[in-house]
Amino acid sequence: AHLYPDGASTALKDALSAKLGVDAARIVVGNGSNDIIDLLVRTFVGPDELVASAWPSFVVYRLVAQAAGKDAVLAPLHRDRYDLAALAALIDYRTKLVFIANPNNPTGTYVTKRELSSFLERIPPTVIVVLDEAYFEYVVAPDYPSGLTDFPGRARLVVLRTFSKAHGLAGLRIGYGVMDPELVEYIDRVRQPYNVSSVAQAAAIAALEDDAHVERSRKMVRAGMAQLEAGFTKLGLSFVPSQANFIVVRVPG
């Protein structure tokens, strides 16, 4: 730990490349995926340009835009889900980034492959669409899309993932993004040279090799979710069916 970390996270990028089947040149590693959200806004959103997302969704999208002095336009959820038609209607010539949390935080709902395909067809190719898949390991829905494989024709598509959830490394702050190499090059000009510690990089490489831990995490979450849903039903409380590792319950009053 007395040595500076590898500023390019080379070993971790190589491990991610092998695990995900993507070119290492397409990977950005960050101090948590929050770091990459911040870098995306600071790198690509220029004067008088906008960020778009939904609400309620991950609050960091809006906070990062505000911190950078940019406006964020937000489409309300419809029945606790992203309303992609309403989100698409907000996008105009000023929009540079669109954030979609899939599954969504805090509702645990998701958008389907068909819905997302239709949305991407409506969005100009100049707009960077960011799929935040922080909770993808927990998803069991068969029509859940993979941002890494299902939309090969979309050049400006960014997929964010993290080691904070299923891998259990939240305290070490490490996440990654997969995107077009040209976008990676621009982000590398803006990010701090040692933005991820050597300890976090080593832990992430080890975590990628521990499939058994991720599978235990999945099973524990699904069992816990079933227990909570049964309890809420018994108590007469409504809840939002979740594809993540958390669940929204509505308490009267």
Protein backbone atom coordinates (compact mmCIF):
# COMPACT_ATOMS: atom_id res chain seq x y z
CA ALA A 1 0.00 0.00 0.00
CA HIS A 2 3.03 2.32 0.13
CA LEU A 3 3.14 2.24 -3.69
CA TYR A 4 0.84 4.24 -5.93
CA PRO A 5 -1.80 2.12 -7.67
CA ASP A 6 -1.82 1.33 -11.36
CA GLY A 7 -3.58 4.42 -12.68
CA ALA A 8 -4.89 2.49 -15.68
CA SER A 9 -6.24 -0.46 -13.59
CA THR A 10 -4.66 -2.71 -16.22
CA ALA A 11 -4.91 -6.05 -14.41
CA LEU A 12 -8.52 -5.42 -13.39
CA LYS A 13 -9.49 -4.33 -16.91
CA ASP A 14 -7.93 -7.52 -18.28
CA ALA A 15 -9.86 -9.60 -15.73
CA LEU A 16 -13.10 -7.80 -16.57
CA SER A 17 -12.42 -8.22 -20.29
CA ALA A 18 -12.04 -11.98 -19.87
CA LYS A 19 -15.09 -12.26 -17.61
CA LEU A 20 -17.43 -10.11 -19.71
CA GLY A 21 -16.13 -10.91 -23.18
CA VAL A 22 -15.48 -7.26 -24.06
CA ASP A 23 -12.35 -5.47 -25.22
CA ALA A 24 -10.37 -3.96 -22.33
CA ALA A 25 -10.20 -0.71 -24.32
CA ARG A 26 -13.96 -0.33 -23.72
CA ILE A 27 -13.66 -0.35 -19.90
CA VAL A 28 -13.43 2.54 -17.44
CA VAL A 29 -12.78 1.77 -13.76
CA GLY A 30 -13.96 4.22 -11.12
CA ASN A 31 -14.04 4.95 -7.40
CA GLY A 32 -17.46 3.35 -7.31
CA SER A 33 -19.83 3.71 -10.26
CA ASN A 34 -20.72 7.12 -8.74
CA ASP A 35 -17.29 8.28 -9.86
CA ILE A 36 -18.07 7.31 -13.45
CA ILE A 37 -21.47 9.05 -13.30
CA ASP A 38 -19.65 12.22 -12.26
CA LEU A 39 -17.01 11.76 -14.97
CA LEU A 40 -19.65 11.28 -17.66
CA VAL A 41 -21.31 14.56 -16.75
CA ARG A 42 -18.10 16.55 -16.40
CA THR A 43 -16.59 15.12 -19.59
CA PHE A 44 -19.50 15.23 -22.01
CA VAL A 45 -22.13 17.77 -20.92
CA GLY A 46 -21.17 21.16 -22.31
CA PRO A 47 -22.56 24.67 -21.83
CA ASP A 48 -26.35 24.84 -22.15
CA GLU A 49 -26.59 21.05 -22.50
CA LEU A 50 -28.83 18.85 -20.35
CA VAL A 51 -28.98 15.58 -18.46
CA ALA A 52 -32.21 13.54 -18.56
CA SER A 53 -33.48 10.79 -16.29
CA ALA A 54 -36.55 9.79 -14.28
CA TRP A 55 -37.85 10.48 -10.78
CA PRO A 56 -37.82 8.91 -8.30
CA SER A 57 -34.61 7.22 -9.38
CA PHE A 58 -30.98 7.26 -8.25
CA VAL A 59 -30.54 10.74 -6.79
CA VAL A 60 -26.87 10.98 -7.80
CA TYR A 61 -27.81 11.57 -11.46
CA ARG A 62 -29.49 14.84 -10.50
CA LEU A 63 -26.97 15.82 -7.83
CA VAL A 64 -23.97 15.36 -10.11
CA ALA A 65 -25.62 17.46 -12.81
CA GLN A 66 -26.37 20.21 -10.30
CA ALA A 67 -22.82 20.11 -8.94
CA ALA A 68 -21.53 20.64 -12.47
CA GLY A 69 -23.92 23.53 -13.03
CA LYS A 70 -26.06 21.59 -15.51
CA ASP A 71 -29.82 21.23 -15.66
CA ALA A 72 -31.45 17.82 -15.19
CA VAL A 73 -34.87 17.14 -16.70
CA LEU A 74 -36.78 14.30 -15.05
CA ALA A 75 -39.71 12.22 -16.28
CA PRO A 76 -42.01 10.93 -13.50
CA LEU A 77 -42.31 7.19 -13.02
CA HIS A 78 -45.53 5.51 -14.15
CA ARG A 79 -46.76 2.81 -11.78
CA ASP A 80 -43.33 2.75 -10.13
CA ARG A 81 -41.56 2.08 -13.46
CA TYR A 82 -39.53 4.19 -15.86
CA ASP A 83 -41.89 5.74 -18.41
CA LEU A 84 -39.57 5.57 -21.40
CA ALA A 85 -42.07 7.29 -23.70
CA ALA A 86 -42.25 10.26 -21.34
CA LEU A 87 -38.46 10.26 -20.98
CA ALA A 88 -37.99 10.22 -24.77
CA ALA A 89 -40.38 13.19 -25.06
CA LEU A 90 -38.05 15.26 -22.85
CA ILE A 91 -35.04 14.76 -25.10
CA ASP A 92 -34.16 17.52 -27.53
CA TYR A 93 -31.09 19.06 -29.17
CA ARG A 94 -29.74 20.16 -25.76
CA THR A 95 -29.74 16.69 -24.25
CA LYS A 96 -26.31 15.06 -23.99
CA LEU A 97 -26.76 12.29 -21.39
CA VAL A 98 -29.69 10.06 -20.43
CA PHE A 99 -29.48 7.93 -17.28
CA ILE A 100 -31.64 4.81 -16.89
CA ALA A 101 -31.34 2.74 -13.72
CA ASN A 102 -32.23 -0.84 -14.59
CA PRO A 103 -33.36 -2.17 -12.14
CA ASN A 104 -34.40 1.16 -10.69
CA ASN A 105 -33.30 2.50 -7.33
CA PRO A 106 -35.46 2.85 -5.19
CA THR A 107 -38.41 0.93 -6.66
CA GLY A 108 -36.65 -2.25 -7.82
CA THR A 109 -38.62 -2.23 -11.08
CA TYR A 110 -37.06 -2.75 -14.51
CA VAL A 111 -37.52 -1.95 -18.17
CA THR A 112 -37.79 -4.84 -20.61
CA LYS A 113 -35.61 -5.53 -23.63
CA ARG A 114 -38.47 -4.66 -25.97
CA GLU A 115 -39.18 -1.36 -24.19
CA LEU A 116 -35.54 -0.38 -24.18
CA SER A 117 -35.06 -1.29 -27.85
CA SER A 118 -38.01 0.90 -28.82
CA PHE A 119 -36.65 3.75 -26.69
CA LEU A 120 -33.17 3.58 -28.22
CA GLU A 121 -34.65 3.72 -31.72
CA ARG A 122 -36.20 7.09 -30.81
CA ILE A 123 -33.05 8.65 -29.34
CA PRO A 124 -30.65 10.58 -31.62
CA PRO A 125 -27.24 8.91 -32.01
CA THR A 126 -25.56 12.03 -30.60
CA VAL A 127 -27.10 11.35 -27.16
CA ILE A 128 -25.16 9.13 -24.73
CA VAL A 129 -27.54 6.66 -23.08
CA VAL A 130 -26.28 5.32 -19.74
CA LEU A 131 -27.70 2.04 -18.43
CA ASP A 132 -26.97 1.77 -14.71
CA GLU A 133 -27.03 -1.97 -14.02
CA ALA A 134 -25.86 -1.82 -10.39
CA TYR A 135 -28.31 -4.54 -9.35
CA PHE A 136 -28.27 -6.74 -12.46
CA GLU A 137 -26.95 -9.78 -10.57
CA TYR A 138 -30.22 -10.07 -8.64
CA VAL A 139 -32.58 -9.97 -11.65
CA VAL A 140 -34.63 -13.08 -12.38
CA ALA A 141 -37.04 -11.63 -14.99
CA PRO A 142 -36.53 -13.43 -18.34
CA ASP A 143 -37.11 -10.29 -20.43
CA TYR A 144 -34.48 -8.20 -18.61
CA PRO A 145 -32.01 -6.79 -21.18
CA SER A 146 -28.24 -6.90 -20.96
CA GLY A 147 -26.68 -3.62 -21.94
CA LEU A 148 -23.48 -5.44 -22.88
CA THR A 149 -24.94 -7.77 -25.50
CA ASP A 150 -28.47 -6.81 -26.55
CA PHE A 151 -27.86 -3.49 -28.34
CA PRO A 152 -24.70 -3.85 -30.46
CA GLY A 153 -25.79 -1.19 -32.94
CA ARG A 154 -25.81 1.64 -30.40
CA ALA A 155 -22.35 3.26 -30.34
CA ARG A 156 -23.07 5.78 -27.59
CA LEU A 157 -24.35 3.31 -25.04
CA VAL A 158 -22.68 3.15 -21.62
CA VAL A 159 -23.24 0.29 -19.17
CA LEU A 160 -22.40 0.90 -15.51
CA ARG A 161 -21.84 -1.90 -13.01
CA THR A 162 -20.44 -2.07 -9.50
CA PHE A 163 -18.71 -4.30 -6.97
CA SER A 164 -20.70 -2.67 -4.15
CA LYS A 165 -23.81 -4.87 -4.24
CA ALA A 166 -23.63 -8.61 -4.98
CA HIS A 167 -19.85 -8.66 -4.49
CA GLY A 168 -20.09 -6.87 -1.15
CA LEU A 169 -17.22 -4.39 -1.66
CA ALA A 170 -19.15 -1.14 -1.06
CA GLY A 171 -16.60 0.18 1.45
CA LEU A 172 -13.74 -0.16 -1.02
CA ARG A 173 -15.51 2.02 -3.65
CA ILE A 174 -15.02 0.33 -7.00
CA GLY A 175 -17.18 0.12 -10.10
CA TYR A 176 -16.78 0.11 -13.85
CA GLY A 177 -18.31 1.26 -17.09
CA VAL A 178 -18.31 -0.39 -20.52
CA MET A 179 -18.55 1.93 -23.52
CA ASP A 180 -17.14 2.85 -26.92
CA PRO A 181 -13.32 3.23 -26.77
CA GLU A 182 -13.62 6.82 -28.01
CA LEU A 183 -15.67 7.71 -24.93
CA VAL A 184 -13.11 5.97 -22.73
CA GLU A 185 -10.34 8.11 -24.22
CA TYR A 186 -12.17 11.34 -23.39
CA ILE A 187 -12.96 10.22 -19.83
CA ASP A 188 -9.30 9.30 -19.31
CA ARG A 189 -8.40 12.92 -20.04
CA VAL A 190 -10.64 14.13 -17.22
CA ARG A 191 -10.45 11.53 -14.45
CA GLN A 192 -7.90 11.66 -11.63
CA PRO A 193 -4.79 9.58 -12.44
CA TYR A 194 -5.09 7.35 -9.33
CA ASN A 195 -8.85 7.30 -8.89
CA VAL A 196 -9.00 3.65 -7.70
CA SER A 197 -6.83 2.29 -4.90
CA SER A 198 -4.57 -0.73 -5.31
CA VAL A 199 -6.45 -2.52 -2.51
CA ALA A 200 -9.79 -2.02 -4.29
CA GLN A 201 -8.34 -3.23 -7.59
CA ALA A 202 -6.95 -6.40 -5.98
CA ALA A 203 -10.22 -7.09 -4.17
CA ALA A 204 -12.23 -6.64 -7.36
CA ILE A 205 -10.03 -9.12 -9.25
CA ALA A 206 -10.52 -11.65 -6.45
CA ALA A 207 -14.27 -10.98 -6.41
CA LEU A 208 -14.54 -11.71 -10.13
CA GLU A 209 -13.20 -15.20 -9.44
CA ASP A 210 -15.68 -15.90 -6.63
CA ASP A 211 -18.83 -16.92 -8.50
CA ALA A 212 -19.98 -18.96 -5.50
CA HIS A 213 -20.25 -15.82 -3.37
CA VAL A 214 -22.41 -14.06 -5.96
CA GLU A 215 -24.67 -17.10 -6.24
CA ARG A 216 -25.07 -17.21 -2.44
CA SER A 217 -25.92 -13.50 -2.51
CA ARG A 218 -28.58 -14.10 -5.16
CA LYS A 219 -30.16 -17.01 -3.28
CA MET A 220 -30.16 -15.14 0.03
CA VAL A 221 -31.82 -12.08 -1.53
CA ARG A 222 -34.51 -14.08 -3.32
CA ALA A 223 -35.30 -16.04 -0.13
CA GLY A 224 -35.41 -12.84 1.90
CA MET A 225 -37.61 -11.16 -0.69
CA ALA A 226 -40.09 -14.07 -0.60
CA GLN A 227 -40.19 -13.88 3.19
CA LEU A 228 -40.84 -10.14 3.16
CA GLU A 229 -43.51 -10.38 0.46
CA ALA A 230 -45.31 -13.10 2.41
CA GLY A 231 -45.13 -10.98 5.56
CA PHE A 232 -46.40 -7.86 3.83
CA THR A 233 -49.29 -9.82 2.33
CA LYS A 234 -50.19 -11.23 5.74
CA LEU A 235 -50.15 -7.72 7.21
CA GLY A 236 -52.25 -6.35 4.36
CA LEU A 237 -49.49 -4.00 3.16
CA SER A 238 -48.98 -3.29 -0.53
CA PHE A 239 -45.50 -3.51 -2.00
CA VAL A 240 -43.69 -3.09 -5.32
CA PRO A 241 -42.39 -6.40 -6.76
CA SER A 242 -38.64 -5.96 -6.97
CA GLN A 243 -35.85 -7.31 -9.18
CA ALA A 244 -33.17 -5.82 -6.93
CA ASN A 245 -31.97 -6.53 -3.37
CA PHE A 246 -34.47 -4.17 -1.71
CA ILE A 247 -38.22 -3.71 -1.75
CA VAL A 248 -40.61 -0.77 -1.41
CA VAL A 249 -43.52 -1.31 1.02
CA ARG A 250 -46.32 1.21 1.45
CA VAL A 251 -47.25 1.84 5.08
CA PRO A 252 -50.63 3.58 5.57
CA GLY A 253 -50.41 6.98 7.27
